[in-house]
Amino acid sequence: MAFEVPALTYAYEALEPYIDAQTMHLHHDKHHQTYTDNANAAVAKVPELSGKSAEQILEDLDAVPDAFRDAVRNNVGGFLNHSIFWSVMAPNAGGPPTGAIAEAIAKAYGDFSLFQEKFNDAGLKQFGSGWTWLVLSPGGLQVLSTGNQESPLSMGLEPILLNDVWEHAYYLKYQNRRADYLAAWWNVINWNEVNRRFSVAKG
């Protein structure tokens, strides 16, 4: 089955004033669609990937022939990263975490504000384009950043929460003020989905 851009579960303007509707239209309808189209084209050239999910492909990139690996990494990664990104945001959301992820963050970082600082710092220090992540590793929760469209799945890590620090994610509203975007983004986090992802990752 071909990869398809998932429909948003909220209106394009629903994340205002933190993420503007014009950015959502361009990001979801244009950027994500392009990654999805290119992912389908890349996978079609590798018959052994037929029928595999994006997660399965990214978990075993070494199985992709060298000639196609970069295209698969970049575009299947771009497809999946964005698909997760839309799901961990919601209108009328944000605030401190709840449930099991709140307990895990408190255990790992001592305080939610300290975790926010660490997460935002990883986003600020990501040179150029990329993503900031909270992942579940064998040793517990871990904050990291990746360049371009790389996925923690390729490192044996389970994505729990992510923020897009490519300029197309924020430049129309925040221009070069990535720090302001990172700070505002906490107002739209869908902690219910983050808890769901955390539960699946642990299970």
N, C-alpha and C. Protein backbone atom coordinates (compact mmCIF):
# COMPACT_ATOMS: atom_id res chain seq x y z
N MET A 1 0.85 -1.20 0.00
CA MET A 1 0.00 0.00 0.00
C MET A 1 0.88 1.24 0.00
N ALA A 2 0.53 2.21 -0.80
CA ALA A 2 1.29 3.45 -0.86
C ALA A 2 1.10 4.26 0.41
N PHE A 3 2.15 4.98 0.79
CA PHE A 3 2.04 5.89 1.92
C PHE A 3 1.10 7.04 1.56
N GLU A 4 0.31 7.49 2.52
CA GLU A 4 -0.61 8.60 2.32
C GLU A 4 -0.47 9.59 3.47
N VAL A 5 -0.53 10.88 3.13
CA VAL A 5 -0.49 11.91 4.16
C VAL A 5 -1.76 11.78 5.02
N PRO A 6 -1.61 11.62 6.32
CA PRO A 6 -2.81 11.52 7.16
C PRO A 6 -3.53 12.86 7.24
N ALA A 7 -4.83 12.81 7.20
CA ALA A 7 -5.62 14.04 7.36
C ALA A 7 -5.43 14.57 8.78
N LEU A 8 -5.40 15.88 8.91
CA LEU A 8 -5.33 16.49 10.23
C LEU A 8 -6.62 16.18 10.99
N THR A 9 -6.51 16.00 12.28
CA THR A 9 -7.69 15.76 13.12
C THR A 9 -8.22 17.07 13.71
N TYR A 10 -7.68 18.18 13.26
CA TYR A 10 -8.10 19.51 13.71
C TYR A 10 -7.97 20.46 12.53
N ALA A 11 -8.60 21.62 12.64
CA ALA A 11 -8.57 22.59 11.56
C ALA A 11 -7.18 23.22 11.44
N TYR A 12 -6.86 23.72 10.25
CA TYR A 12 -5.56 24.33 10.02
C TYR A 12 -5.30 25.49 10.98
N GLU A 13 -6.35 26.21 11.33
CA GLU A 13 -6.18 27.37 12.20
C GLU A 13 -6.30 27.02 13.68
N ALA A 14 -6.50 25.74 13.99
CA ALA A 14 -6.81 25.35 15.37
C ALA A 14 -5.65 25.53 16.34
N LEU A 15 -4.43 25.62 15.83
CA LEU A 15 -3.26 25.76 16.71
C LEU A 15 -2.84 27.21 16.88
N GLU A 16 -3.63 28.13 16.29
CA GLU A 16 -3.38 29.56 16.52
C GLU A 16 -3.53 29.87 18.02
N PRO A 17 -2.80 30.84 18.55
CA PRO A 17 -1.85 31.72 17.87
C PRO A 17 -0.43 31.17 17.82
N TYR A 18 -0.25 29.93 18.25
CA TYR A 18 1.11 29.39 18.41
C TYR A 18 1.70 28.92 17.08
N ILE A 19 0.86 28.26 16.27
CA ILE A 19 1.26 27.88 14.91
C ILE A 19 0.17 28.39 13.98
N ASP A 20 0.55 29.21 13.02
CA ASP A 20 -0.43 29.89 12.18
C ASP A 20 -0.99 28.97 11.08
N ALA A 21 -2.18 29.33 10.62
CA ALA A 21 -2.88 28.51 9.64
C ALA A 21 -2.12 28.43 8.32
N GLN A 22 -1.48 29.51 7.90
CA GLN A 22 -0.76 29.48 6.63
C GLN A 22 0.40 28.49 6.69
N THR A 23 1.11 28.48 7.80
CA THR A 23 2.20 27.51 7.97
C THR A 23 1.65 26.09 7.94
N MET A 24 0.52 25.86 8.61
CA MET A 24 -0.06 24.52 8.63
C MET A 24 -0.44 24.07 7.23
N HIS A 25 -1.05 24.95 6.44
CA HIS A 25 -1.41 24.60 5.06
C HIS A 25 -0.16 24.22 4.26
N LEU A 26 0.86 25.05 4.30
CA LEU A 26 2.07 24.79 3.53
C LEU A 26 2.80 23.55 4.03
N HIS A 27 2.87 23.42 5.34
CA HIS A 27 3.64 22.33 5.94
C HIS A 27 2.97 20.98 5.68
N HIS A 28 1.68 20.92 5.96
CA HIS A 28 0.95 19.66 5.80
C HIS A 28 0.66 19.34 4.34
N ASP A 29 0.13 20.31 3.60
CA ASP A 29 -0.35 20.03 2.25
C ASP A 29 0.76 20.00 1.20
N LYS A 30 1.82 20.75 1.43
CA LYS A 30 2.90 20.85 0.44
C LYS A 30 4.13 20.04 0.85
N HIS A 31 4.74 20.42 1.96
CA HIS A 31 5.98 19.76 2.37
C HIS A 31 5.76 18.27 2.66
N HIS A 32 4.74 17.97 3.49
CA HIS A 32 4.51 16.57 3.83
C HIS A 32 4.09 15.77 2.60
N GLN A 33 3.29 16.37 1.74
CA GLN A 33 2.87 15.67 0.53
C GLN A 33 4.07 15.34 -0.36
N THR A 34 5.01 16.27 -0.46
CA THR A 34 6.20 16.03 -1.28
C THR A 34 7.02 14.88 -0.73
N TYR A 35 7.24 14.86 0.59
CA TYR A 35 7.97 13.74 1.18
C TYR A 35 7.24 12.42 0.92
N THR A 36 5.92 12.45 1.02
CA THR A 36 5.14 11.23 0.84
C THR A 36 5.23 10.74 -0.60
N ASP A 37 5.10 11.64 -1.55
CA ASP A 37 5.23 11.27 -2.96
C ASP A 37 6.62 10.70 -3.25
N ASN A 38 7.63 11.35 -2.72
CA ASN A 38 9.00 10.89 -2.95
C ASN A 38 9.30 9.59 -2.22
N ALA A 39 8.67 9.38 -1.07
CA ALA A 39 8.83 8.11 -0.35
C ALA A 39 8.24 6.96 -1.17
N ASN A 40 7.07 7.18 -1.72
CA ASN A 40 6.45 6.14 -2.55
C ASN A 40 7.31 5.83 -3.77
N ALA A 41 7.88 6.88 -4.38
CA ALA A 41 8.73 6.67 -5.56
C ALA A 41 9.99 5.91 -5.19
N ALA A 42 10.58 6.25 -4.03
CA ALA A 42 11.83 5.60 -3.60
C ALA A 42 11.59 4.13 -3.27
N VAL A 43 10.53 3.85 -2.55
CA VAL A 43 10.25 2.47 -2.14
C VAL A 43 9.89 1.61 -3.34
N ALA A 44 9.25 2.21 -4.33
CA ALA A 44 8.85 1.45 -5.52
C ALA A 44 10.06 0.90 -6.27
N LYS A 45 11.23 1.50 -6.05
CA LYS A 45 12.44 1.05 -6.72
C LYS A 45 13.14 -0.09 -5.99
N VAL A 46 12.62 -0.46 -4.82
CA VAL A 46 13.24 -1.50 -3.99
C VAL A 46 12.19 -2.57 -3.70
N PRO A 47 12.08 -3.59 -4.54
CA PRO A 47 11.01 -4.58 -4.40
C PRO A 47 10.95 -5.24 -3.02
N GLU A 48 12.10 -5.41 -2.37
CA GLU A 48 12.10 -6.08 -1.07
C GLU A 48 11.43 -5.25 0.03
N LEU A 49 11.14 -3.99 -0.25
CA LEU A 49 10.45 -3.15 0.73
C LEU A 49 8.93 -3.19 0.56
N SER A 50 8.47 -3.86 -0.47
CA SER A 50 7.04 -3.92 -0.74
C SER A 50 6.27 -4.48 0.45
N GLY A 51 5.22 -3.79 0.86
CA GLY A 51 4.38 -4.26 1.95
C GLY A 51 4.87 -3.90 3.33
N LYS A 52 6.05 -3.31 3.43
CA LYS A 52 6.58 -2.93 4.75
C LYS A 52 6.06 -1.56 5.16
N SER A 53 5.87 -1.39 6.46
CA SER A 53 5.46 -0.09 6.99
C SER A 53 6.66 0.85 7.02
N ALA A 54 6.40 2.12 7.16
CA ALA A 54 7.48 3.09 7.28
C ALA A 54 8.37 2.76 8.48
N GLU A 55 7.73 2.35 9.58
CA GLU A 55 8.50 2.00 10.78
C GLU A 55 9.42 0.82 10.51
N GLN A 56 8.91 -0.20 9.86
CA GLN A 56 9.73 -1.38 9.56
C GLN A 56 10.91 -1.04 8.66
N ILE A 57 10.67 -0.16 7.70
CA ILE A 57 11.75 0.24 6.78
C ILE A 57 12.83 1.00 7.53
N LEU A 58 12.43 1.95 8.36
CA LEU A 58 13.41 2.79 9.05
C LEU A 58 14.15 2.03 10.15
N GLU A 59 13.52 1.02 10.70
CA GLU A 59 14.18 0.20 11.72
C GLU A 59 15.30 -0.66 11.13
N ASP A 60 15.29 -0.86 9.82
CA ASP A 60 16.27 -1.75 9.19
C ASP A 60 16.78 -1.13 7.89
N LEU A 61 17.33 0.07 7.99
CA LEU A 61 17.84 0.75 6.79
C LEU A 61 18.99 -0.01 6.14
N ASP A 62 19.71 -0.80 6.93
CA ASP A 62 20.83 -1.56 6.36
C ASP A 62 20.36 -2.56 5.31
N ALA A 63 19.07 -2.90 5.35
CA ALA A 63 18.52 -3.84 4.37
C ALA A 63 18.22 -3.17 3.04
N VAL A 64 18.28 -1.84 3.01
CA VAL A 64 18.01 -1.10 1.77
C VAL A 64 19.32 -1.01 0.97
N PRO A 65 19.31 -1.37 -0.30
CA PRO A 65 20.54 -1.28 -1.11
C PRO A 65 21.15 0.12 -1.05
N ASP A 66 22.48 0.16 -1.07
CA ASP A 66 23.20 1.43 -0.93
C ASP A 66 22.70 2.50 -1.91
N ALA A 67 22.41 2.11 -3.12
CA ALA A 67 22.04 3.09 -4.14
C ALA A 67 20.73 3.81 -3.82
N PHE A 68 19.89 3.22 -2.97
CA PHE A 68 18.58 3.78 -2.68
C PHE A 68 18.44 4.24 -1.23
N ARG A 69 19.45 3.98 -0.41
CA ARG A 69 19.30 4.17 1.04
C ARG A 69 19.06 5.64 1.41
N ASP A 70 19.81 6.55 0.82
CA ASP A 70 19.63 7.96 1.17
C ASP A 70 18.24 8.45 0.82
N ALA A 71 17.75 8.08 -0.36
CA ALA A 71 16.41 8.51 -0.77
C ALA A 71 15.35 7.93 0.15
N VAL A 72 15.52 6.68 0.55
CA VAL A 72 14.56 6.04 1.46
C VAL A 72 14.63 6.69 2.84
N ARG A 73 15.84 6.87 3.35
CA ARG A 73 16.00 7.50 4.67
C ARG A 73 15.35 8.89 4.70
N ASN A 74 15.65 9.70 3.71
CA ASN A 74 15.18 11.08 3.70
C ASN A 74 13.67 11.17 3.52
N ASN A 75 13.13 10.39 2.61
CA ASN A 75 11.72 10.56 2.26
C ASN A 75 10.77 9.72 3.09
N VAL A 76 11.13 8.48 3.38
CA VAL A 76 10.30 7.70 4.31
C VAL A 76 10.40 8.32 5.70
N GLY A 77 11.60 8.79 6.06
CA GLY A 77 11.75 9.50 7.32
C GLY A 77 10.89 10.75 7.35
N GLY A 78 10.91 11.53 6.27
CA GLY A 78 10.10 12.74 6.20
C GLY A 78 8.62 12.45 6.29
N PHE A 79 8.19 11.36 5.63
CA PHE A 79 6.79 10.95 5.71
C PHE A 79 6.40 10.61 7.15
N LEU A 80 7.20 9.76 7.80
CA LEU A 80 6.82 9.29 9.13
C LEU A 80 6.99 10.37 10.19
N ASN A 81 8.08 11.12 10.14
CA ASN A 81 8.30 12.17 11.14
C ASN A 81 7.14 13.15 11.16
N HIS A 82 6.71 13.58 9.98
CA HIS A 82 5.60 14.52 9.92
C HIS A 82 4.30 13.88 10.38
N SER A 83 4.09 12.62 10.03
CA SER A 83 2.87 11.94 10.45
C SER A 83 2.76 11.91 11.97
N ILE A 84 3.88 11.65 12.65
CA ILE A 84 3.88 11.66 14.11
C ILE A 84 3.68 13.08 14.63
N PHE A 85 4.33 14.03 13.98
CA PHE A 85 4.30 15.42 14.42
C PHE A 85 2.87 15.95 14.52
N TRP A 86 2.06 15.73 13.48
CA TRP A 86 0.67 16.22 13.53
C TRP A 86 -0.09 15.60 14.70
N SER A 87 0.21 14.35 15.01
CA SER A 87 -0.57 13.63 16.02
C SER A 87 -0.23 14.07 17.45
N VAL A 88 0.97 14.58 17.69
CA VAL A 88 1.34 14.97 19.05
C VAL A 88 0.99 16.42 19.33
N MET A 89 0.23 17.04 18.43
CA MET A 89 -0.28 18.39 18.67
C MET A 89 -1.79 18.38 18.63
N ALA A 90 -2.40 19.34 19.33
CA ALA A 90 -3.85 19.43 19.35
C ALA A 90 -4.24 20.82 19.84
N PRO A 91 -5.44 21.29 19.46
CA PRO A 91 -5.93 22.54 20.01
C PRO A 91 -6.34 22.37 21.47
N ASN A 92 -6.34 23.47 22.19
CA ASN A 92 -6.74 23.45 23.60
C ASN A 92 -5.96 22.40 24.38
N ALA A 93 -4.69 22.33 24.10
CA ALA A 93 -3.84 21.31 24.71
C ALA A 93 -2.69 22.00 25.45
N GLY A 94 -1.57 21.32 25.52
CA GLY A 94 -0.40 21.90 26.17
C GLY A 94 -0.46 21.80 27.68
N GLY A 95 0.31 22.66 28.33
CA GLY A 95 0.42 22.59 29.77
C GLY A 95 1.36 21.49 30.20
N PRO A 96 1.45 21.25 31.51
CA PRO A 96 2.33 20.19 31.99
C PRO A 96 1.80 18.82 31.61
N PRO A 97 2.68 17.84 31.52
CA PRO A 97 2.24 16.48 31.15
C PRO A 97 1.38 15.86 32.24
N THR A 98 0.65 14.84 31.84
CA THR A 98 -0.19 14.08 32.76
C THR A 98 0.11 12.60 32.58
N GLY A 99 -0.38 11.80 33.47
CA GLY A 99 -0.30 10.35 33.31
C GLY A 99 1.11 9.79 33.45
N ALA A 100 1.32 8.64 32.82
CA ALA A 100 2.58 7.91 32.97
C ALA A 100 3.77 8.69 32.45
N ILE A 101 3.59 9.46 31.38
CA ILE A 101 4.73 10.20 30.84
C ILE A 101 5.14 11.30 31.81
N ALA A 102 4.21 11.87 32.55
CA ALA A 102 4.55 12.87 33.56
C ALA A 102 5.44 12.26 34.64
N GLU A 103 5.08 11.07 35.08
CA GLU A 103 5.88 10.38 36.10
C GLU A 103 7.26 10.03 35.56
N ALA A 104 7.32 9.58 34.31
CA ALA A 104 8.60 9.19 33.72
C ALA A 104 9.51 10.40 33.52
N ILE A 105 8.93 11.53 33.10
CA ILE A 105 9.72 12.75 32.92
C ILE A 105 10.25 13.23 34.27
N ALA A 106 9.40 13.19 35.30
CA ALA A 106 9.83 13.61 36.63
C ALA A 106 10.96 12.72 37.14
N LYS A 107 10.87 11.43 36.88
CA LYS A 107 11.90 10.51 37.32
C LYS A 107 13.21 10.75 36.58
N ALA A 108 13.13 11.03 35.29
CA ALA A 108 14.33 11.17 34.46
C ALA A 108 14.98 12.54 34.60
N TYR A 109 14.14 13.58 34.78
CA TYR A 109 14.67 14.95 34.71
C TYR A 109 14.43 15.76 35.98
N GLY A 110 13.67 15.20 36.91
CA GLY A 110 13.47 15.85 38.19
C GLY A 110 12.36 16.88 38.20
N ASP A 111 12.12 17.51 37.05
CA ASP A 111 11.15 18.60 37.00
C ASP A 111 10.79 18.84 35.54
N PHE A 112 9.52 19.14 35.28
CA PHE A 112 9.09 19.36 33.91
C PHE A 112 9.79 20.54 33.28
N SER A 113 10.00 21.60 34.02
CA SER A 113 10.66 22.78 33.46
C SER A 113 12.10 22.48 33.08
N LEU A 114 12.76 21.62 33.84
CA LEU A 114 14.12 21.22 33.49
C LEU A 114 14.13 20.39 32.21
N PHE A 115 13.12 19.53 32.07
CA PHE A 115 12.98 18.76 30.84
C PHE A 115 12.74 19.68 29.65
N GLN A 116 11.85 20.66 29.81
CA GLN A 116 11.59 21.62 28.73
C GLN A 116 12.88 22.33 28.31
N GLU A 117 13.66 22.76 29.28
CA GLU A 117 14.91 23.45 28.98
C GLU A 117 15.84 22.55 28.17
N LYS A 118 15.93 21.30 28.57
CA LYS A 118 16.82 20.36 27.87
C LYS A 118 16.31 20.11 26.45
N PHE A 119 15.02 19.94 26.30
CA PHE A 119 14.42 19.68 24.99
C PHE A 119 14.59 20.89 24.07
N ASN A 120 14.29 22.09 24.59
CA ASN A 120 14.43 23.30 23.80
C ASN A 120 15.88 23.56 23.43
N ASP A 121 16.78 23.27 24.36
CA ASP A 121 18.20 23.48 24.08
C ASP A 121 18.67 22.58 22.95
N ALA A 122 18.17 21.34 22.92
CA ALA A 122 18.51 20.42 21.82
C ALA A 122 18.00 20.97 20.50
N GLY A 123 16.82 21.58 20.53
CA GLY A 123 16.26 22.18 19.31
C GLY A 123 17.05 23.39 18.86
N LEU A 124 17.48 24.21 19.79
CA LEU A 124 18.26 25.40 19.44
C LEU A 124 19.62 25.03 18.88
N LYS A 125 20.20 23.98 19.41
CA LYS A 125 21.57 23.61 19.02
C LYS A 125 21.62 22.72 17.78
N GLN A 126 20.45 22.27 17.31
CA GLN A 126 20.44 21.49 16.07
C GLN A 126 20.81 22.41 14.92
N PHE A 127 21.99 22.20 14.36
CA PHE A 127 22.46 23.07 13.29
C PHE A 127 21.71 22.76 12.00
N GLY A 128 21.17 23.81 11.39
CA GLY A 128 20.43 23.60 10.15
C GLY A 128 19.09 22.93 10.42
N SER A 129 18.68 22.07 9.51
CA SER A 129 17.36 21.45 9.58
C SER A 129 17.40 20.17 10.38
N GLY A 130 16.27 19.86 11.03
CA GLY A 130 16.21 18.62 11.78
C GLY A 130 15.04 18.57 12.74
N TRP A 131 15.17 17.70 13.72
CA TRP A 131 14.10 17.42 14.67
C TRP A 131 14.68 17.28 16.07
N THR A 132 13.87 17.59 17.06
CA THR A 132 14.19 17.33 18.46
C THR A 132 13.24 16.26 18.97
N TRP A 133 13.76 15.36 19.78
CA TRP A 133 12.99 14.18 20.16
C TRP A 133 13.07 13.90 21.67
N LEU A 134 12.00 13.32 22.18
CA LEU A 134 12.03 12.54 23.41
C LEU A 134 11.81 11.10 22.98
N VAL A 135 12.76 10.25 23.29
CA VAL A 135 12.67 8.85 22.87
C VAL A 135 12.78 7.94 24.07
N LEU A 136 12.34 6.72 23.89
CA LEU A 136 12.55 5.68 24.89
C LEU A 136 13.69 4.80 24.41
N SER A 137 14.75 4.78 25.19
CA SER A 137 15.92 3.95 24.89
C SER A 137 15.96 2.81 25.90
N PRO A 138 16.84 1.83 25.72
CA PRO A 138 16.93 0.76 26.71
C PRO A 138 17.23 1.27 28.12
N GLY A 139 17.86 2.44 28.21
CA GLY A 139 18.18 3.00 29.52
C GLY A 139 17.13 3.95 30.06
N GLY A 140 16.05 4.16 29.32
CA GLY A 140 15.00 5.07 29.77
C GLY A 140 14.78 6.20 28.79
N LEU A 141 14.17 7.27 29.26
CA LEU A 141 13.90 8.42 28.40
C LEU A 141 15.20 9.15 28.05
N GLN A 142 15.22 9.70 26.83
CA GLN A 142 16.42 10.40 26.35
C GLN A 142 15.98 11.52 25.41
N VAL A 143 16.58 12.69 25.55
CA VAL A 143 16.36 13.80 24.63
C VAL A 143 17.50 13.83 23.63
N LEU A 144 17.19 13.99 22.36
CA LEU A 144 18.23 14.08 21.34
C LEU A 144 17.70 14.87 20.15
N SER A 145 18.58 15.22 19.26
CA SER A 145 18.18 15.85 18.00
C SER A 145 18.79 15.07 16.85
N THR A 146 18.13 15.14 15.70
CA THR A 146 18.64 14.50 14.49
C THR A 146 18.60 15.50 13.35
N GLY A 147 19.49 15.32 12.40
CA GLY A 147 19.53 16.18 11.24
C GLY A 147 18.57 15.72 10.15
N ASN A 148 18.14 16.67 9.35
CA ASN A 148 17.31 16.39 8.19
C ASN A 148 16.10 15.56 8.57
N GLN A 149 15.91 14.38 7.93
CA GLN A 149 14.73 13.56 8.23
C GLN A 149 15.12 12.22 8.85
N GLU A 150 16.25 12.19 9.54
CA GLU A 150 16.64 10.94 10.21
C GLU A 150 15.66 10.61 11.33
N SER A 151 15.48 9.32 11.55
CA SER A 151 14.55 8.84 12.56
C SER A 151 15.29 8.09 13.66
N PRO A 152 14.91 8.29 14.92
CA PRO A 152 15.48 7.50 16.01
C PRO A 152 15.24 6.00 15.84
N LEU A 153 14.21 5.64 15.08
CA LEU A 153 13.96 4.21 14.84
C LEU A 153 15.17 3.54 14.22
N SER A 154 15.92 4.27 13.42
CA SER A 154 17.10 3.71 12.78
C SER A 154 18.24 3.51 13.76
N MET A 155 18.09 4.07 14.97
CA MET A 155 19.10 3.92 16.03
C MET A 155 18.63 2.94 17.10
N GLY A 156 17.49 2.29 16.86
CA GLY A 156 16.96 1.37 17.85
C GLY A 156 16.23 2.05 18.99
N LEU A 157 15.76 3.29 18.76
CA LEU A 157 15.09 4.08 19.78
C LEU A 157 13.63 4.30 19.38
N GLU A 158 12.75 4.43 20.38
CA GLU A 158 11.32 4.59 20.11
C GLU A 158 10.90 6.05 20.29
N PRO A 159 10.40 6.70 19.25
CA PRO A 159 9.97 8.10 19.36
C PRO A 159 8.72 8.25 20.22
N ILE A 160 8.79 9.18 21.17
CA ILE A 160 7.65 9.46 22.04
C ILE A 160 7.06 10.83 21.74
N LEU A 161 7.94 11.81 21.56
CA LEU A 161 7.54 13.20 21.31
C LEU A 161 8.57 13.81 20.39
N LEU A 162 8.14 14.70 19.48
CA LEU A 162 9.10 15.33 18.57
C LEU A 162 8.64 16.72 18.20
N ASN A 163 9.60 17.57 17.89
CA ASN A 163 9.31 18.90 17.36
C ASN A 163 10.16 19.13 16.11
N ASP A 164 9.53 19.74 15.13
CA ASP A 164 10.15 20.00 13.83
C ASP A 164 10.90 21.33 13.91
N VAL A 165 12.21 21.32 13.70
CA VAL A 165 12.98 22.56 13.71
C VAL A 165 13.52 22.92 12.32
N TRP A 166 12.92 22.34 11.27
CA TRP A 166 13.16 22.85 9.93
C TRP A 166 12.54 24.25 9.86
N GLU A 167 13.14 25.15 9.12
CA GLU A 167 12.62 26.52 9.06
C GLU A 167 11.20 26.57 8.52
N HIS A 168 10.83 25.63 7.64
CA HIS A 168 9.47 25.70 7.10
C HIS A 168 8.41 25.48 8.18
N ALA A 169 8.80 24.95 9.33
CA ALA A 169 7.85 24.71 10.41
C ALA A 169 7.48 25.98 11.16
N TYR A 170 8.29 27.02 11.04
CA TYR A 170 8.05 28.20 11.88
C TYR A 170 8.37 29.55 11.24
N TYR A 171 8.99 29.58 10.06
CA TYR A 171 9.58 30.83 9.58
C TYR A 171 8.54 31.90 9.23
N LEU A 172 7.38 31.52 8.74
CA LEU A 172 6.38 32.52 8.36
C LEU A 172 5.94 33.35 9.56
N LYS A 173 5.86 32.74 10.72
CA LYS A 173 5.40 33.44 11.92
C LYS A 173 6.55 33.96 12.77
N TYR A 174 7.60 33.14 12.91
CA TYR A 174 8.66 33.47 13.87
C TYR A 174 9.95 33.95 13.20
N GLN A 175 10.01 33.93 11.89
CA GLN A 175 11.23 34.28 11.15
C GLN A 175 12.43 33.49 11.71
N ASN A 176 13.47 34.18 12.13
CA ASN A 176 14.67 33.48 12.61
C ASN A 176 14.63 33.21 14.11
N ARG A 177 13.48 33.43 14.75
CA ARG A 177 13.39 33.31 16.21
C ARG A 177 12.98 31.88 16.59
N ARG A 178 13.88 30.96 16.34
CA ARG A 178 13.57 29.56 16.64
C ARG A 178 13.25 29.37 18.12
N ALA A 179 13.93 30.10 18.99
CA ALA A 179 13.69 29.96 20.44
C ALA A 179 12.25 30.32 20.79
N ASP A 180 11.71 31.35 20.15
CA ASP A 180 10.32 31.74 20.42
C ASP A 180 9.35 30.65 19.97
N TYR A 181 9.63 30.06 18.82
CA TYR A 181 8.80 28.95 18.32
C TYR A 181 8.86 27.78 19.28
N LEU A 182 10.05 27.42 19.72
CA LEU A 182 10.19 26.29 20.63
C LEU A 182 9.42 26.52 21.93
N ALA A 183 9.48 27.75 22.43
CA ALA A 183 8.78 28.07 23.68
C ALA A 183 7.27 28.01 23.49
N ALA A 184 6.78 28.53 22.36
CA ALA A 184 5.34 28.57 22.12
C ALA A 184 4.76 27.18 21.87
N TRP A 185 5.55 26.31 21.31
CA TRP A 185 5.07 24.99 20.89
C TRP A 185 4.53 24.15 22.04
N TRP A 186 5.01 24.38 23.25
CA TRP A 186 4.53 23.60 24.40
C TRP A 186 3.04 23.82 24.66
N ASN A 187 2.47 24.87 24.08
CA ASN A 187 1.05 25.16 24.28
C ASN A 187 0.13 24.29 23.43
N VAL A 188 0.69 23.49 22.53
CA VAL A 188 -0.15 22.67 21.65
C VAL A 188 0.13 21.17 21.77
N ILE A 189 0.88 20.75 22.76
CA ILE A 189 1.22 19.33 22.86
C ILE A 189 0.02 18.51 23.33
N ASN A 190 -0.22 17.44 22.61
CA ASN A 190 -1.31 16.51 22.91
C ASN A 190 -0.76 15.41 23.82
N TRP A 191 -0.84 15.65 25.12
CA TRP A 191 -0.25 14.70 26.06
C TRP A 191 -0.95 13.35 26.05
N ASN A 192 -2.21 13.31 25.66
CA ASN A 192 -2.90 12.02 25.55
C ASN A 192 -2.22 11.14 24.50
N GLU A 193 -1.86 11.73 23.36
CA GLU A 193 -1.18 10.98 22.31
C GLU A 193 0.25 10.62 22.74
N VAL A 194 0.91 11.53 23.43
CA VAL A 194 2.26 11.23 23.92
C VAL A 194 2.20 10.05 24.89
N ASN A 195 1.22 10.02 25.77
CA ASN A 195 1.06 8.90 26.69
C ASN A 195 0.77 7.61 25.94
N ARG A 196 -0.04 7.71 24.88
CA ARG A 196 -0.33 6.51 24.08
C ARG A 196 0.93 5.96 23.46
N ARG A 197 1.74 6.86 22.89
CA ARG A 197 2.99 6.43 22.26
C ARG A 197 3.96 5.84 23.29
N PHE A 198 3.99 6.44 24.48
CA PHE A 198 4.86 5.95 25.54
C PHE A 198 4.43 4.55 25.97
N SER A 199 3.14 4.33 26.09
CA SER A 199 2.62 3.02 26.48
C SER A 199 2.96 1.96 25.43
N VAL A 200 2.77 2.30 24.16
CA VAL A 200 3.10 1.35 23.07
C VAL A 200 4.59 1.05 23.07
N ALA A 201 5.41 2.07 23.25
CA ALA A 201 6.86 1.87 23.24
C ALA A 201 7.31 0.96 24.37
N LYS A 202 6.70 1.12 25.53
CA LYS A 202 7.07 0.27 26.67
C LYS A 202 6.57 -1.16 26.49
N GLY A 203 5.43 -1.30 25.79
CA GLY A 203 4.77 -2.60 25.70
C GLY A 203 5.38 -3.53 24.69
